C-alpha cells in the first residue's frame, strides 16, 4: 500500500513492504482515510485509493469496500446500521452469526 504523498489520503498501518503477516493476526492491518471538500469528492478519492490498494497474499475486504463506495444508497448517505449485512446478503456472502463478521475474500490478481 503506497498512498504516500497523495492529497486527501492517509494510511494508518503497521505493515510495510516485505512484512510477513503472522498466522494469528489482528484483522485490522490498515486503515485508509480520505477527505475532500464534499462527500462526492471524498467518495471518488476513496474509490481510487481502494482500487489502488494491493495486499498480497493476505485476504482483504478491499473488493467489498469498493462495492460499498459504488452503492447509490451509500453515496447519497442513505444507509443504516444494517447496511453492511444487507449488502453481503445481496451478493450472496454468508455472515458468520457468532462474530457478525463476514469471511475474508481473496483478491484475484491476474
C-alpha atoms as a PDB file:
ATOM      1  CA  UNK A   1       0.000   0.000   0.000  1.00  0.00           C
ATOM      2  CA  UNK A   2       1.673   3.173  -1.075  1.00  0.00           C
ATOM      3  CA  UNK A   3      -0.519   6.228  -0.998  1.00  0.00           C
ATOM      4  CA  UNK A   4       2.268   8.457   0.329  1.00  0.00           C
ATOM      5  CA  UNK A   5       2.107  11.983  -0.953  1.00  0.00           C
ATOM      6  CA  UNK A   6      -1.469  11.659  -2.204  1.00  0.00           C
ATOM      7  CA  UNK A   7      -3.538  14.688  -1.257  1.00  0.00           C
ATOM      8  CA  UNK A   8      -6.525  13.717   0.845  1.00  0.00           C
ATOM      9  CA  UNK A   9      -5.334  10.172   1.609  1.00  0.00           C
ATOM     10  CA  UNK A  10      -3.821   8.882   4.834  1.00  0.00           C
ATOM     11  CA  UNK A  11      -2.899   5.266   5.550  1.00  0.00           C
ATOM     12  CA  UNK A  12      -2.607   4.212   9.183  1.00  0.00           C
ATOM     13  CA  UNK A  13      -0.781   0.870   9.328  1.00  0.00           C
ATOM     14  CA  UNK A  14       1.965  -1.108  10.978  1.00  0.00           C
ATOM     15  CA  UNK A  15       2.666  -3.094   7.788  1.00  0.00           C
ATOM     16  CA  UNK A  16       5.437  -2.356   5.291  1.00  0.00           C
ATOM     17  CA  UNK A  17       6.787  -3.843   2.049  1.00  0.00           C
ATOM     18  CA  UNK A  18       8.109  -7.297   2.831  1.00  0.00           C
ATOM     19  CA  UNK A  19       6.165  -7.557   6.108  1.00  0.00           C
ATOM     20  CA  UNK A  20       5.068 -11.099   6.918  1.00  0.00           C
ATOM     21  CA  UNK A  21       1.589 -11.270   8.377  1.00  0.00           C
ATOM     22  CA  UNK A  22       1.634 -13.728  11.292  1.00  0.00           C
ATOM     23  CA  UNK A  23      -0.689 -16.738  11.208  1.00  0.00           C
ATOM     24  CA  UNK A  24      -2.731 -15.254  14.052  1.00  0.00           C
ATOM     25  CA  UNK A  25      -3.018 -11.603  13.209  1.00  0.00           C
ATOM     26  CA  UNK A  26      -5.207  -8.648  14.012  1.00  0.00           C
ATOM     27  CA  UNK A  27      -7.636  -8.433  11.071  1.00  0.00           C
ATOM     28  CA  UNK A  28      -7.190  -4.648  11.001  1.00  0.00           C
ATOM     29  CA  UNK A  29      -3.911  -4.378   9.126  1.00  0.00           C
ATOM     30  CA  UNK A  30      -4.508  -0.845   7.871  1.00  0.00           C
ATOM     31  CA  UNK A  31      -6.985   1.995   7.757  1.00  0.00           C
ATOM     32  CA  UNK A  32      -7.228   4.107   4.632  1.00  0.00           C
ATOM     33  CA  UNK A  33      -8.672   7.506   5.447  1.00  0.00           C
ATOM     34  CA  UNK A  34      -9.731  10.055   2.858  1.00  0.00           C
ATOM     35  CA  UNK A  35     -11.046  13.593   2.996  1.00  0.00           C
ATOM     36  CA  UNK A  36     -12.181  16.175   0.483  1.00  0.00           C
ATOM     37  CA  UNK A  37     -14.423  19.243   0.466  1.00  0.00           C
ATOM     38  CA  UNK A  38     -17.634  17.322  -0.351  1.00  0.00           C
ATOM     39  CA  UNK A  39     -18.979  13.816   0.226  1.00  0.00           C
ATOM     40  CA  UNK A  40     -18.948  13.148  -3.527  1.00  0.00           C
ATOM     41  CA  UNK A  41     -15.296  14.162  -3.852  1.00  0.00           C
ATOM     42  CA  UNK A  42     -14.341  12.098  -0.788  1.00  0.00           C
ATOM     43  CA  UNK A  43     -16.096   9.023  -2.197  1.00  0.00           C
ATOM     44  CA  UNK A  44     -14.290   9.440  -5.539  1.00  0.00           C
ATOM     45  CA  UNK A  45     -10.977   9.725  -3.689  1.00  0.00           C
ATOM     46  CA  UNK A  46     -11.806   6.668  -1.560  1.00  0.00           C
ATOM     47  CA  UNK A  47     -12.744   4.629  -4.645  1.00  0.00           C
ATOM     48  CA  UNK A  48      -9.406   5.471  -6.205  1.00  0.00           C
ATOM     49  CA  UNK A  49      -7.500   4.648  -3.008  1.00  0.00           C
ATOM     50  CA  UNK A  50      -9.289   1.287  -2.659  1.00  0.00           C
ATOM     51  CA  UNK A  51      -8.735   0.453  -6.344  1.00  0.00           C
ATOM     52  CA  UNK A  52      -5.017   1.177  -5.979  1.00  0.00           C
ATOM     53  CA  UNK A  53      -4.614  -0.849  -2.773  1.00  0.00           C
ATOM     54  CA  UNK A  54      -2.813  -4.134  -3.290  1.00  0.00           C
ATOM     55  CA  UNK A  55      -2.046  -6.517  -0.438  1.00  0.00           C
ATOM     56  CA  UNK A  56      -0.750  -9.981  -1.249  1.00  0.00           C
ATOM     57  CA  UNK A  57      -1.066 -12.813  -0.486  1.00  0.00           C
ATOM     58  CA  UNK A  58      -3.220 -11.863   2.505  1.00  0.00           C
ATOM     59  CA  UNK A  59      -7.009 -11.909   2.171  1.00  0.00           C
ATOM     60  CA  UNK A  60      -8.597  -8.462   2.256  1.00  0.00           C
ATOM     61  CA  UNK A  61     -12.001  -6.813   2.111  1.00  0.00           C
ATOM     62  CA  UNK A  62     -10.987  -4.148  -0.418  1.00  0.00           C
ATOM     63  CA  UNK A  63     -13.313  -5.521  -3.126  1.00  0.00           C
ATOM     64  CA  UNK A  64     -16.264  -5.261  -0.760  1.00  0.00           C
ATOM     65  CA  UNK A  65     -15.296  -1.728   0.258  1.00  0.00           C
ATOM     66  CA  UNK A  66     -15.188  -0.806  -3.419  1.00  0.00           C
ATOM     67  CA  UNK A  67     -18.730  -2.151  -3.856  1.00  0.00           C
ATOM     68  CA  UNK A  68     -19.927  -0.121  -0.884  1.00  0.00           C
ATOM     69  CA  UNK A  69     -18.357   3.049  -2.297  1.00  0.00           C
ATOM     70  CA  UNK A  70     -20.173   2.464  -5.619  1.00  0.00           C
ATOM     71  CA  UNK A  71     -23.529   1.807  -3.917  1.00  0.00           C
ATOM     72  CA  UNK A  72     -26.105   4.522  -4.660  1.00  0.00           C
ATOM     73  CA  UNK A  73     -27.606   4.403  -1.149  1.00  0.00           C
ATOM     74  CA  UNK A  74     -24.169   4.859   0.413  1.00  0.00           C
ATOM     75  CA  UNK A  75     -23.294   7.650  -1.996  1.00  0.00           C
ATOM     76  CA  UNK A  76     -26.458   9.528  -1.021  1.00  0.00           C
ATOM     77  CA  UNK A  77     -25.833   8.918   2.700  1.00  0.00           C
ATOM     78  CA  UNK A  78     -28.976   6.788   2.951  1.00  0.00           C
ATOM     79  CA  UNK A  79     -27.606   3.885   4.968  1.00  0.00           C
ATOM     80  CA  UNK A  80     -28.391   2.370   8.343  1.00  0.00           C
ATOM     81  CA  UNK A  81     -26.676   0.069  10.823  1.00  0.00           C
ATOM     82  CA  UNK A  82     -27.912  -2.932   8.810  1.00  0.00           C
ATOM     83  CA  UNK A  83     -26.396  -1.639   5.556  1.00  0.00           C
ATOM     84  CA  UNK A  84     -23.293  -3.876   5.537  1.00  0.00           C
ATOM     85  CA  UNK A  85     -25.198  -7.049   6.448  1.00  0.00           C
ATOM     86  CA  UNK A  86     -27.748  -6.374   3.705  1.00  0.00           C
ATOM     87  CA  UNK A  87     -25.004  -5.753   1.144  1.00  0.00           C
ATOM     88  CA  UNK A  88     -23.326  -9.053   1.999  1.00  0.00           C
ATOM     89  CA  UNK A  89     -26.643 -10.864   1.700  1.00  0.00           C
ATOM     90  CA  UNK A  90     -27.301  -9.171  -1.638  1.00  0.00           C
ATOM     91  CA  UNK A  91     -24.096 -10.565  -3.147  1.00  0.00           C
ATOM     92  CA  UNK A  92     -24.560 -13.974  -1.526  1.00  0.00           C
ATOM     93  CA  UNK A  93     -21.908 -13.841   1.196  1.00  0.00           C
ATOM     94  CA  UNK A  94     -22.899 -15.516   4.436  1.00  0.00           C
ATOM     95  CA  UNK A  95     -22.122 -13.555   7.588  1.00  0.00           C
ATOM     96  CA  UNK A  96     -20.726 -15.602  10.489  1.00  0.00           C
ATOM     97  CA  UNK A  97     -23.506 -15.453  13.091  1.00  0.00           C
ATOM     98  CA  UNK A  98     -21.070 -15.725  16.009  1.00  0.00           C
ATOM     99  CA  UNK A  99     -18.872 -12.798  15.124  1.00  0.00           C
ATOM    100  CA  UNK A 100     -21.260 -10.946  12.814  1.00  0.00           C
ATOM    101  CA  UNK A 101     -18.221 -10.505  10.611  1.00  0.00           C
ATOM    102  CA  UNK A 102     -18.124 -11.683   7.007  1.00  0.00           C
ATOM    103  CA  UNK A 103     -15.433 -14.146   5.999  1.00  0.00           C
ATOM    104  CA  UNK A 104     -12.455 -12.503   4.261  1.00  0.00           C
ATOM    105  CA  UNK A 105     -12.206 -12.743   0.497  1.00  0.00           C
ATOM    106  CA  UNK A 106      -9.141 -13.337  -1.608  1.00  0.00           C
ATOM    107  CA  UNK A 107      -8.390 -10.749  -4.267  1.00  0.00           C
ATOM    108  CA  UNK A 108      -7.696 -12.176  -7.672  1.00  0.00           C
ATOM    109  CA  UNK A 109      -4.535 -10.869  -9.268  1.00  0.00           C
ATOM    110  CA  UNK A 110      -4.317 -11.778 -12.879  1.00  0.00           C
END
